[in-house]
Protein backbone atom coordinates (compact mmCIF):
# COMPACT_ATOMS: atom_id res chain seq x y z
CA UNK A 1 107.55 -112.27 111.41
CA UNK A 2 106.34 -115.63 110.29
CA UNK A 3 109.19 -117.84 109.09
CA UNK A 4 112.03 -118.73 111.51
CA UNK A 5 114.96 -116.91 111.92
CA UNK A 6 118.74 -117.26 110.79
CA UNK A 7 121.47 -118.54 112.85
CA UNK A 8 122.65 -115.18 112.71
CA UNK A 9 119.40 -113.59 113.48
CA UNK A 10 119.25 -116.01 116.94
CA UNK A 11 122.85 -114.60 117.50
CA UNK A 12 121.99 -111.21 117.28
CA UNK A 13 118.94 -111.39 119.98
CA UNK A 14 121.38 -113.12 122.34
CA UNK A 15 123.99 -110.29 122.01
CA UNK A 16 120.90 -107.58 122.06
CA UNK A 17 119.75 -109.32 124.88
CA UNK A 18 123.01 -110.18 127.21
CA UNK A 19 123.79 -108.20 130.36
CA UNK A 20 127.85 -108.52 129.95
CA UNK A 21 130.03 -110.43 127.18
CA UNK A 22 130.55 -113.42 129.72
CA UNK A 23 126.85 -114.36 129.83
CA UNK A 24 126.61 -113.93 126.60
CA UNK A 25 129.33 -116.41 125.78
CA UNK A 26 127.78 -118.58 128.82
CA UNK A 27 124.35 -118.73 127.43
CA UNK A 28 125.06 -118.55 123.81
CA UNK A 29 127.67 -121.36 123.93
CA UNK A 30 125.47 -123.50 126.06
CA UNK A 31 122.25 -123.39 123.33
CA UNK A 32 124.99 -123.95 120.53
CA UNK A 33 126.05 -127.32 122.38
CA UNK A 34 122.45 -128.15 122.64
CA UNK A 35 122.04 -128.02 119.02
CA UNK A 36 125.46 -129.62 118.19
CA UNK A 37 123.79 -132.53 120.42
CA UNK A 38 120.06 -132.61 118.69
CA UNK A 39 121.45 -132.62 115.79
CA UNK A 40 123.56 -136.23 116.64
CA UNK A 41 120.07 -137.26 118.21
CA UNK A 42 118.33 -136.34 114.99
CA UNK A 43 119.85 -139.27 113.14
CA UNK A 44 118.42 -141.76 115.28
CA UNK A 45 114.86 -143.08 114.98
CA UNK A 46 113.14 -140.74 117.30
CA UNK A 47 114.19 -137.78 115.00
CA UNK A 48 112.82 -138.91 111.68
CA UNK A 49 110.52 -136.46 110.25
CA UNK A 50 111.60 -133.71 112.88
CA UNK A 51 111.57 -130.55 110.93
CA UNK A 52 115.18 -129.83 111.88
CA UNK A 53 114.91 -126.16 110.78
CA UNK A 54 112.33 -125.91 114.09
CA UNK A 55 114.49 -127.91 116.48
CA UNK A 56 117.83 -125.64 115.21
CA UNK A 57 115.92 -122.51 115.81
CA UNK A 58 114.38 -123.96 119.04
CA UNK A 59 118.17 -125.15 120.70
CA UNK A 60 119.29 -121.52 119.98
CA UNK A 61 116.47 -119.74 121.64
CA UNK A 62 115.27 -121.86 124.39
CA UNK A 63 117.52 -120.23 127.05
CA UNK A 64 116.90 -116.64 125.46
CA UNK A 65 115.13 -115.77 128.76
CA UNK A 66 117.91 -116.81 131.04
CA UNK A 67 119.37 -113.01 129.99
CA UNK A 68 116.78 -111.83 131.97
CA UNK A 69 117.92 -113.20 135.41
CA UNK A 70 121.30 -111.34 135.28
CA UNK A 71 121.95 -108.42 136.11
CA UNK A 72 124.29 -105.60 134.85
CA UNK A 73 127.10 -107.25 137.13
CA UNK A 74 126.41 -110.75 135.59
CA UNK A 75 125.06 -112.10 138.89
CA UNK A 76 122.61 -115.07 138.44
CA UNK A 77 118.73 -114.66 140.22
CA UNK A 78 118.82 -118.14 140.86
CA UNK A 79 115.72 -118.40 142.98
CA UNK A 80 113.86 -117.60 140.37
CA UNK A 81 115.64 -119.77 137.64
CA UNK A 82 111.98 -121.62 136.95
CA UNK A 83 110.73 -118.77 135.41
CA UNK A 84 113.23 -118.07 132.76
CA UNK A 85 111.27 -120.37 130.03
CA UNK A 86 108.18 -117.59 130.33
CA UNK A 87 110.45 -114.95 130.21
CA UNK A 88 111.97 -116.20 126.61
CA UNK A 89 108.27 -116.49 125.92
CA UNK A 90 107.75 -112.71 126.16
CA UNK A 91 111.04 -111.74 124.74
CA UNK A 92 110.22 -114.06 121.58
CA UNK A 93 106.51 -112.08 121.47
CA UNK A 94 108.11 -108.80 121.37
CA UNK A 95 110.64 -109.96 118.98
CA UNK A 96 107.69 -110.82 116.33
CA UNK A 97 109.40 -114.49 116.63
CA UNK A 98 106.38 -117.47 115.51
CA UNK A 99 104.80 -119.32 118.10
CA UNK A 100 105.96 -122.48 116.82
CA UNK A 101 109.41 -121.13 119.03
CA UNK A 102 107.85 -120.30 122.32
CA UNK A 103 107.35 -123.76 123.62
CA UNK A 104 110.29 -124.26 123.28
CA UNK A 105 111.22 -121.57 125.82
CA UNK A 106 108.62 -122.30 128.05
CA UNK A 107 108.95 -126.28 128.10
CA UNK A 108 112.04 -127.77 127.92
CA UNK A 109 112.51 -127.15 131.87
CA UNK A 110 113.59 -130.38 133.36
CA UNK A 111 111.80 -132.91 131.62
CA UNK A 112 108.60 -130.89 131.88
CA UNK A 113 106.79 -129.32 134.83
CA UNK A 114 102.91 -130.42 135.19
CA UNK A 115 100.23 -128.42 137.10
CA UNK A 116 101.30 -130.68 140.18
CA UNK A 117 104.81 -129.83 140.40
CA UNK A 118 103.90 -125.79 139.98
CA UNK A 119 101.21 -126.56 142.98
CA UNK A 120 103.03 -129.10 145.36
CA UNK A 121 106.65 -127.01 144.62
CA UNK A 122 105.14 -123.60 144.96
CA UNK A 123 107.02 -122.82 141.88
CA UNK A 124 106.91 -118.94 141.07
CA UNK A 125 105.10 -119.32 137.74
CA UNK A 126 101.42 -119.61 136.53
CA UNK A 127 99.96 -122.47 137.23
CA UNK A 128 99.71 -124.46 134.18
CA UNK A 129 101.63 -127.54 132.54
CA UNK A 130 104.60 -126.93 130.77
CA UNK A 131 105.67 -130.35 129.04
CA UNK A 132 107.06 -131.30 125.53
CA UNK A 133 104.46 -132.49 123.19
CA UNK A 134 105.93 -132.40 120.16
CA UNK A 135 108.99 -134.49 118.37
CA UNK A 136 110.60 -131.36 117.93
CA UNK A 137 110.08 -130.09 121.26
CA UNK A 138 111.02 -133.38 122.58
CA UNK A 139 114.27 -133.65 120.98
CA UNK A 140 114.90 -130.09 122.22
CA UNK A 141 114.61 -130.82 125.66
CA UNK A 142 116.24 -133.97 125.71
CA UNK A 143 119.52 -132.10 123.84
CA UNK A 144 119.34 -129.62 126.46
CA UNK A 145 119.81 -132.02 129.75
CA UNK A 146 123.27 -133.15 128.28
CA UNK A 147 125.02 -129.59 129.60
CA UNK A 148 125.20 -127.54 132.36
CA UNK A 149 125.87 -123.58 132.27
CA UNK A 150 127.36 -124.37 136.06
CA UNK A 151 130.44 -122.65 136.51
CA UNK A 152 132.53 -124.22 135.07
CA UNK A 153 129.92 -125.28 132.25
CA UNK A 154 129.67 -129.04 131.84
CA UNK A 155 128.74 -132.18 130.04
CA UNK A 156 126.24 -134.67 132.04
CA UNK A 157 125.88 -138.11 131.22
CA UNK A 158 122.69 -139.65 131.44
CA UNK A 159 123.49 -141.40 134.91
CA UNK A 160 124.55 -137.98 136.08
CA UNK A 161 121.28 -136.40 134.69
CA UNK A 162 118.94 -139.17 136.41
CA UNK A 163 120.56 -139.00 139.75
CA UNK A 164 120.12 -135.50 139.54
CA UNK A 165 116.26 -135.02 138.63
CA UNK A 166 115.82 -138.35 141.28
CA UNK A 167 114.81 -135.55 144.12
CA UNK A 168 112.03 -134.10 142.15
CA UNK A 169 110.50 -137.76 142.07
CA UNK A 170 110.95 -141.06 140.19
CA UNK A 171 108.39 -140.42 137.50
CA UNK A 172 110.75 -137.67 136.47
CA UNK A 173 113.51 -140.66 136.09
CA UNK A 174 111.20 -142.53 134.27
CA UNK A 175 110.36 -139.14 131.76
CA UNK A 176 113.75 -139.15 130.83
CA UNK A 177 114.32 -142.66 130.36
CA UNK A 178 111.63 -142.82 128.05
CA UNK A 179 113.16 -140.02 126.20
CA UNK A 180 116.52 -141.57 125.97
CA UNK A 181 114.54 -144.69 124.51
CA UNK A 182 113.45 -142.14 122.35
CA UNK A 183 116.15 -140.60 120.85
CA UNK A 184 119.16 -142.41 121.85
CA UNK A 185 122.14 -141.41 123.72
CA UNK A 186 124.47 -138.80 122.11
CA UNK A 187 128.25 -138.95 121.78
CA UNK A 188 129.75 -136.54 124.28
CA UNK A 189 133.54 -136.94 123.85
CA UNK A 190 134.03 -135.18 120.81
CA UNK A 191 131.91 -132.09 121.99
CA UNK A 192 133.61 -132.17 124.98
CA UNK A 193 137.13 -131.97 123.34
CA UNK A 194 135.79 -129.44 121.02
CA UNK A 195 134.41 -126.79 123.84
CA UNK A 196 137.04 -127.61 126.83
CA UNK A 197 134.08 -129.09 128.86
CA UNK A 198 134.32 -131.79 131.15
CA UNK A 199 132.03 -134.72 130.96
CA UNK A 200 130.39 -135.62 134.26
C-alpha cells in the first residue's frame, strides 16, 4: 500500500492489535487526542507547509506498537516500553503501510533518542538515532508530549513535561523548548473538558 490509510482503516488496525477493549480505548483515544493537538499546532507558523494528511496518519499510528507490550489480561510490560516505537514499525511493515509512516513510530519517544542515549542508558533497542527530522515528524512528536496514557490518562502542561524529562538531561529540556518555539503551545482546556481528563 503506497497511499496513506484512511482513519477507518487505522481504527481497524488498532482494534486488530489491541489485546483487550480497555487497552484499545486507552491507546486509540490517546492517538486521537494527539491528532487533535497536532491540528491546533499546525495552524501556527511551525506547521506552515506541513502535510496535514501525513500528520493525521502519523498521530493515529505513532503508538500502535504499544499493543505488543500488553498481555491478554491487559498488563503492560513497562520495562520494555521504550521498544514500542520499533514494535510499531514492525506492525506497519507487516501491514504493508508506506515507509513515510514508519518513522512516526520509531522517532517520537521523548524529544528524540540518540545513539548516546541508547548506550548511556543501556536501552533495550538497537544502537541508532531515533530523532524526528521532518516538520511532520517533529509536530507529531511534540503534540504527543501534551497527553499521557497514565492511569488515569491526563493532559500535561509544558512545564510539567519539561520537569518530567529534566532527569534525562538539560539538553532534552532545551530540545522541548525549541519545539515550543517552533510550534507554539496548544489550548488543552477544551480538550480536557471534552475527553474528561485532568490537566497537570
